[in-house]
């Protein structure tokens, strides 16, 4: 699965190991929140925006101001199926896919075909 439609958002939240990420449901709980808009869904952890998903399947990712294991795990759950993942080395975050490694940048867009900008 290369990209995600709006209706698939709740099913996309899986880790790379395929297990369900704790607490991810449409709506909110004490830690995770998904807010649906007209053309975009917003994903928050502890009230900090970490991703948006457009109705066309473009995922835009952010660190929410916190480069923590929890944030990285949630972003990797959202990236599952795109071919991309976030790795960390020496306190720096990277987007990695099939031998391609780029420094993580807030606002990076991943298209439904797996391309990034």
Protein backbone atom coordinates (compact mmCIF):
# COMPACT_ATOMS: atom_id res chain seq x y z
CA UNK A 1 0.00 0.00 0.00
CA UNK A 2 1.76 3.17 -1.16
CA UNK A 3 -0.56 5.91 0.11
CA UNK A 4 -3.52 6.42 2.33
CA UNK A 5 -7.00 7.71 1.69
CA UNK A 6 -8.87 9.59 4.37
CA UNK A 7 -11.03 6.57 5.15
CA UNK A 8 -7.92 4.42 5.66
CA UNK A 9 -6.33 6.75 8.24
CA UNK A 10 -7.46 4.77 11.27
CA UNK A 11 -6.09 1.56 9.73
CA UNK A 12 -2.72 3.06 8.79
CA UNK A 13 -1.50 3.49 12.34
CA UNK A 14 0.60 0.37 12.61
CA UNK A 15 4.24 0.05 13.44
CA UNK A 16 6.70 -1.35 10.96
CA UNK A 17 6.40 -4.64 12.85
CA UNK A 18 2.69 -4.71 12.03
CA UNK A 19 1.36 -4.42 15.57
CA UNK A 20 -1.29 -1.86 16.42
CA UNK A 21 0.08 1.36 17.87
CA UNK A 22 -1.40 1.95 21.32
CA UNK A 23 -4.25 4.41 21.61
CA UNK A 24 -4.74 5.31 17.96
CA UNK A 25 -8.39 5.81 17.19
CA UNK A 26 -10.35 8.53 15.49
CA UNK A 27 -11.04 11.10 18.17
CA UNK A 28 -8.74 11.53 21.14
CA UNK A 29 -7.43 10.14 24.36
CA UNK A 30 -4.99 11.58 26.87
CA UNK A 31 -2.06 11.33 24.46
CA UNK A 32 -3.10 10.89 20.82
CA UNK A 33 -5.69 12.82 18.84
CA UNK A 34 -6.90 12.63 15.26
CA UNK A 35 -8.94 15.60 14.08
CA UNK A 36 -10.77 15.32 10.76
CA UNK A 37 -11.17 18.39 8.63
CA UNK A 38 -12.90 19.02 5.31
CA UNK A 39 -9.88 18.19 3.14
CA UNK A 40 -7.29 17.14 5.71
CA UNK A 41 -6.86 15.08 8.87
CA UNK A 42 -4.57 16.30 11.65
CA UNK A 43 -2.66 13.98 13.95
CA UNK A 44 -1.47 15.20 17.37
CA UNK A 45 0.59 13.67 20.19
CA UNK A 46 0.31 15.42 23.57
CA UNK A 47 -1.35 18.35 21.77
CA UNK A 48 1.53 18.82 19.30
CA UNK A 49 0.88 18.46 15.56
CA UNK A 50 3.02 15.68 14.08
CA UNK A 51 1.27 14.99 10.76
CA UNK A 52 -1.44 15.98 8.33
CA UNK A 53 -3.02 13.75 5.71
CA UNK A 54 -4.83 15.32 2.76
CA UNK A 55 -7.82 13.76 1.06
CA UNK A 56 -5.48 13.07 -1.90
CA UNK A 57 -3.17 10.95 0.26
CA UNK A 58 -0.27 13.37 0.84
CA UNK A 59 1.20 12.94 4.32
CA UNK A 60 3.10 15.92 5.80
CA UNK A 61 5.22 15.12 8.86
CA UNK A 62 6.56 17.20 11.76
CA UNK A 63 8.40 16.43 14.98
CA UNK A 64 5.92 18.48 17.03
CA UNK A 65 8.84 20.16 18.76
CA UNK A 66 9.81 16.91 20.48
CA UNK A 67 12.23 14.44 18.90
CA UNK A 68 11.36 11.66 21.29
CA UNK A 69 10.98 7.91 20.87
CA UNK A 70 7.18 8.28 21.17
CA UNK A 71 7.03 10.89 18.40
CA UNK A 72 9.32 8.82 16.18
CA UNK A 73 7.22 5.67 16.81
CA UNK A 74 4.00 7.49 15.93
CA UNK A 75 5.50 8.95 12.75
CA UNK A 76 6.84 5.53 11.73
CA UNK A 77 3.34 4.16 12.27
CA UNK A 78 1.98 6.79 9.90
CA UNK A 79 4.77 6.11 7.40
CA UNK A 80 4.11 2.37 7.39
CA UNK A 81 3.36 1.29 3.85
CA UNK A 82 5.01 4.28 2.17
CA UNK A 83 8.46 2.71 1.98
CA UNK A 84 9.88 5.44 4.25
CA UNK A 85 10.84 5.33 7.90
CA UNK A 86 12.50 7.55 10.46
CA UNK A 87 15.78 6.45 11.97
CA UNK A 88 18.02 8.11 14.51
CA UNK A 89 21.77 8.26 14.86
CA UNK A 90 23.84 10.48 17.17
CA UNK A 91 20.72 12.44 18.20
CA UNK A 92 19.85 13.29 14.56
CA UNK A 93 16.74 12.07 12.75
CA UNK A 94 16.75 10.77 9.19
CA UNK A 95 14.15 9.70 6.63
CA UNK A 96 15.30 6.46 5.09
CA UNK A 97 14.08 4.25 2.23
CA UNK A 98 15.87 1.57 0.20
CA UNK A 99 19.35 2.99 0.78
CA UNK A 100 18.27 6.63 0.44
CA UNK A 101 18.88 8.62 3.62
CA UNK A 102 17.88 12.27 4.10
CA UNK A 103 17.98 14.53 7.14
CA UNK A 104 14.52 14.81 8.70
CA UNK A 105 12.90 18.16 7.98
CA UNK A 106 9.69 19.45 9.49
CA UNK A 107 7.09 19.81 6.76
CA UNK A 108 8.39 16.98 4.57
CA UNK A 109 5.61 15.75 2.28
CA UNK A 110 5.23 12.10 1.30
CA UNK A 111 2.94 11.57 -1.67
CA UNK A 112 0.63 8.62 -2.16
CA UNK A 113 3.20 7.17 -4.61
CA UNK A 114 5.98 7.34 -1.98
CA UNK A 115 7.77 10.39 -3.38
CA UNK A 116 9.02 13.03 -0.96
CA UNK A 117 9.48 16.79 -1.14
